[in-house]
Amino acid sequence: MSTESVDPGHGHSPAAWTAVIIMLIAFTIGAVAFFFDAPIIVWLSAGLAVIGLIMGWIMKRAGYGVGGSKYQPKGH
């Protein structure tokens, strides 16, 4: 049985993907730096995670979020 969903969902936009990728990179760098006891790099990676969050918000405001003017949903 197949059901069609018109719900665009959340997180399936260029803004969300960009934010998540930047934050994943930041957390990976932070974890490695924590392991090697490099506190400066840990704090810099925390700052990068915040930058990822801000970038997602900026891209959403620019229309690249779900429901934005530049967002084009893909078929499943």
N, C-alpha and C. Protein backbone atom coordinates (compact mmCIF):
# COMPACT_ATOMS: atom_id res chain seq x y z
N MET A 1 0.85 -1.15 0.00
CA MET A 1 0.00 0.00 0.00
C MET A 1 0.90 1.23 0.00
N SER A 2 0.59 2.15 -0.87
CA SER A 2 1.38 3.36 -1.02
C SER A 2 0.57 4.57 -0.58
N THR A 3 1.21 5.46 0.14
CA THR A 3 0.54 6.69 0.54
C THR A 3 1.37 7.87 0.07
N GLU A 4 0.71 8.85 -0.49
CA GLU A 4 1.37 10.06 -0.92
C GLU A 4 1.38 11.05 0.23
N SER A 5 2.50 11.65 0.45
CA SER A 5 2.63 12.62 1.51
C SER A 5 2.96 13.98 0.89
N VAL A 6 2.17 14.97 1.22
CA VAL A 6 2.44 16.32 0.74
C VAL A 6 3.22 17.13 1.77
N ASP A 7 3.47 16.54 2.92
CA ASP A 7 4.23 17.20 3.97
C ASP A 7 5.69 17.31 3.53
N PRO A 8 6.23 18.53 3.41
CA PRO A 8 7.61 18.66 2.96
C PRO A 8 8.62 18.22 4.00
N GLY A 9 8.16 18.00 5.22
CA GLY A 9 9.07 17.59 6.28
C GLY A 9 9.93 18.75 6.75
N HIS A 10 10.92 18.44 7.52
CA HIS A 10 11.85 19.46 7.96
C HIS A 10 13.26 18.91 7.85
N GLY A 11 14.17 19.76 7.58
CA GLY A 11 15.55 19.33 7.49
C GLY A 11 15.99 18.85 6.13
N HIS A 12 15.11 18.89 5.15
CA HIS A 12 15.47 18.44 3.81
C HIS A 12 15.65 19.65 2.91
N SER A 13 16.53 20.56 3.32
CA SER A 13 16.75 21.78 2.56
C SER A 13 18.25 22.08 2.53
N PRO A 14 18.67 22.89 1.57
CA PRO A 14 20.09 23.27 1.54
C PRO A 14 20.53 23.95 2.84
N ALA A 15 19.67 24.75 3.44
CA ALA A 15 20.03 25.43 4.69
C ALA A 15 20.29 24.41 5.80
N ALA A 16 19.42 23.43 5.93
CA ALA A 16 19.58 22.43 6.98
C ALA A 16 20.82 21.56 6.74
N TRP A 17 21.01 21.13 5.50
CA TRP A 17 22.17 20.29 5.20
C TRP A 17 23.47 21.03 5.43
N THR A 18 23.53 22.30 5.05
CA THR A 18 24.74 23.09 5.27
C THR A 18 25.04 23.22 6.75
N ALA A 19 24.02 23.55 7.53
CA ALA A 19 24.20 23.71 8.97
C ALA A 19 24.67 22.40 9.61
N VAL A 20 24.05 21.31 9.25
CA VAL A 20 24.40 20.02 9.85
C VAL A 20 25.81 19.58 9.46
N ILE A 21 26.19 19.78 8.20
CA ILE A 21 27.53 19.37 7.78
C ILE A 21 28.59 20.19 8.50
N ILE A 22 28.39 21.51 8.61
CA ILE A 22 29.36 22.35 9.32
C ILE A 22 29.46 21.92 10.78
N MET A 23 28.32 21.66 11.41
CA MET A 23 28.35 21.27 12.82
C MET A 23 28.95 19.88 13.02
N LEU A 24 28.72 18.95 12.10
CA LEU A 24 29.35 17.63 12.21
C LEU A 24 30.86 17.73 12.10
N ILE A 25 31.33 18.57 11.19
CA ILE A 25 32.77 18.78 11.07
C ILE A 25 33.32 19.38 12.36
N ALA A 26 32.60 20.35 12.91
CA ALA A 26 33.04 21.00 14.15
C ALA A 26 33.11 20.00 15.30
N PHE A 27 32.09 19.16 15.44
CA PHE A 27 32.09 18.19 16.54
C PHE A 27 33.17 17.12 16.35
N THR A 28 33.44 16.75 15.11
CA THR A 28 34.50 15.78 14.85
C THR A 28 35.86 16.36 15.21
N ILE A 29 36.11 17.59 14.76
CA ILE A 29 37.37 18.25 15.12
C ILE A 29 37.48 18.42 16.63
N GLY A 30 36.38 18.81 17.27
CA GLY A 30 36.40 19.00 18.72
C GLY A 30 36.67 17.71 19.47
N ALA A 31 36.10 16.62 19.01
CA ALA A 31 36.32 15.33 19.68
C ALA A 31 37.76 14.88 19.55
N VAL A 32 38.32 15.04 18.36
CA VAL A 32 39.72 14.65 18.16
C VAL A 32 40.64 15.55 18.99
N ALA A 33 40.36 16.85 19.00
CA ALA A 33 41.17 17.78 19.78
C ALA A 33 41.06 17.49 21.28
N PHE A 34 39.88 17.11 21.73
CA PHE A 34 39.70 16.76 23.14
C PHE A 34 40.53 15.53 23.48
N PHE A 35 40.54 14.56 22.58
CA PHE A 35 41.32 13.35 22.79
C PHE A 35 42.81 13.67 22.91
N PHE A 36 43.29 14.60 22.08
CA PHE A 36 44.70 14.97 22.09
C PHE A 36 45.02 16.11 23.06
N ASP A 37 44.06 16.46 23.89
CA ASP A 37 44.24 17.48 24.93
C ASP A 37 44.72 18.81 24.34
N ALA A 38 43.92 19.32 23.38
CA ALA A 38 44.21 20.61 22.75
C ALA A 38 43.01 21.53 23.00
N PRO A 39 42.97 22.16 24.18
CA PRO A 39 41.78 22.94 24.55
C PRO A 39 41.48 24.12 23.61
N ILE A 40 42.49 24.73 23.04
CA ILE A 40 42.25 25.85 22.12
C ILE A 40 41.45 25.36 20.90
N ILE A 41 41.84 24.21 20.36
CA ILE A 41 41.14 23.66 19.20
C ILE A 41 39.72 23.23 19.58
N VAL A 42 39.55 22.71 20.79
CA VAL A 42 38.20 22.33 21.25
C VAL A 42 37.30 23.56 21.26
N TRP A 43 37.79 24.66 21.81
CA TRP A 43 36.97 25.88 21.87
C TRP A 43 36.74 26.48 20.49
N LEU A 44 37.74 26.40 19.62
CA LEU A 44 37.55 26.88 18.24
C LEU A 44 36.51 26.04 17.50
N SER A 45 36.50 24.74 17.76
CA SER A 45 35.50 23.89 17.11
C SER A 45 34.10 24.17 17.67
N ALA A 46 34.02 24.54 18.95
CA ALA A 46 32.72 24.94 19.51
C ALA A 46 32.23 26.21 18.82
N GLY A 47 33.15 27.12 18.55
CA GLY A 47 32.80 28.33 17.80
C GLY A 47 32.35 28.00 16.39
N LEU A 48 33.00 27.02 15.77
CA LEU A 48 32.60 26.60 14.42
C LEU A 48 31.20 26.00 14.43
N ALA A 49 30.85 25.28 15.48
CA ALA A 49 29.49 24.73 15.60
C ALA A 49 28.46 25.86 15.67
N VAL A 50 28.78 26.91 16.39
CA VAL A 50 27.87 28.06 16.46
C VAL A 50 27.77 28.74 15.09
N ILE A 51 28.89 28.82 14.38
CA ILE A 51 28.87 29.39 13.03
C ILE A 51 27.98 28.55 12.12
N GLY A 52 28.02 27.23 12.26
CA GLY A 52 27.14 26.36 11.47
C GLY A 52 25.68 26.66 11.73
N LEU A 53 25.34 26.85 12.99
CA LEU A 53 23.97 27.20 13.36
C LEU A 53 23.55 28.53 12.74
N ILE A 54 24.43 29.50 12.82
CA ILE A 54 24.15 30.83 12.25
C ILE A 54 24.02 30.75 10.73
N MET A 55 24.88 29.97 10.09
CA MET A 55 24.81 29.81 8.63
C MET A 55 23.48 29.20 8.20
N GLY A 56 23.01 28.21 8.94
CA GLY A 56 21.71 27.62 8.64
C GLY A 56 20.59 28.64 8.75
N TRP A 57 20.66 29.47 9.79
CA TRP A 57 19.64 30.50 9.99
C TRP A 57 19.69 31.54 8.87
N ILE A 58 20.91 31.96 8.49
CA ILE A 58 21.07 32.94 7.41
C ILE A 58 20.54 32.38 6.10
N MET A 59 20.87 31.12 5.80
CA MET A 59 20.39 30.51 4.56
C MET A 59 18.87 30.36 4.56
N LYS A 60 18.31 30.05 5.72
CA LYS A 60 16.85 29.96 5.81
C LYS A 60 16.22 31.31 5.53
N ARG A 61 16.78 32.36 6.12
CA ARG A 61 16.26 33.72 5.89
C ARG A 61 16.43 34.14 4.44
N ALA A 62 17.45 33.59 3.75
CA ALA A 62 17.70 33.91 2.34
C ALA A 62 16.78 33.12 1.40
N GLY A 63 15.98 32.21 1.95
CA GLY A 63 15.03 31.46 1.14
C GLY A 63 15.41 30.04 0.82
N TYR A 64 16.47 29.53 1.42
CA TYR A 64 16.91 28.17 1.14
C TYR A 64 16.40 27.15 2.15
N GLY A 65 15.55 27.55 3.06
CA GLY A 65 14.96 26.63 4.02
C GLY A 65 13.68 26.01 3.46
N VAL A 66 13.11 25.05 4.17
CA VAL A 66 11.86 24.42 3.73
C VAL A 66 10.78 25.49 3.65
N GLY A 67 10.13 25.57 2.49
CA GLY A 67 9.09 26.56 2.28
C GLY A 67 9.63 27.90 1.81
N GLY A 68 10.94 28.03 1.66
CA GLY A 68 11.54 29.28 1.20
C GLY A 68 11.35 29.48 -0.29
N SER A 69 11.58 30.68 -0.74
CA SER A 69 11.36 31.01 -2.15
C SER A 69 12.34 30.32 -3.09
N LYS A 70 13.53 29.97 -2.61
CA LYS A 70 14.54 29.33 -3.46
C LYS A 70 14.63 27.82 -3.24
N TYR A 71 13.80 27.30 -2.37
CA TYR A 71 13.81 25.86 -2.07
C TYR A 71 12.92 25.13 -3.05
N GLN A 72 13.44 24.07 -3.65
CA GLN A 72 12.67 23.24 -4.56
C GLN A 72 12.68 21.81 -4.03
N PRO A 73 11.54 21.36 -3.49
CA PRO A 73 11.52 20.00 -2.93
C PRO A 73 11.74 18.95 -4.01
N LYS A 74 12.42 17.90 -3.64
CA LYS A 74 12.69 16.79 -4.55
C LYS A 74 11.64 15.69 -4.33
N GLY A 75 11.31 14.99 -5.36
CA GLY A 75 10.39 13.86 -5.25
C GLY A 75 11.07 12.68 -4.58
N HIS A 76 10.28 11.84 -3.93
CA HIS A 76 10.85 10.70 -3.22
C HIS A 76 10.84 9.49 -4.09
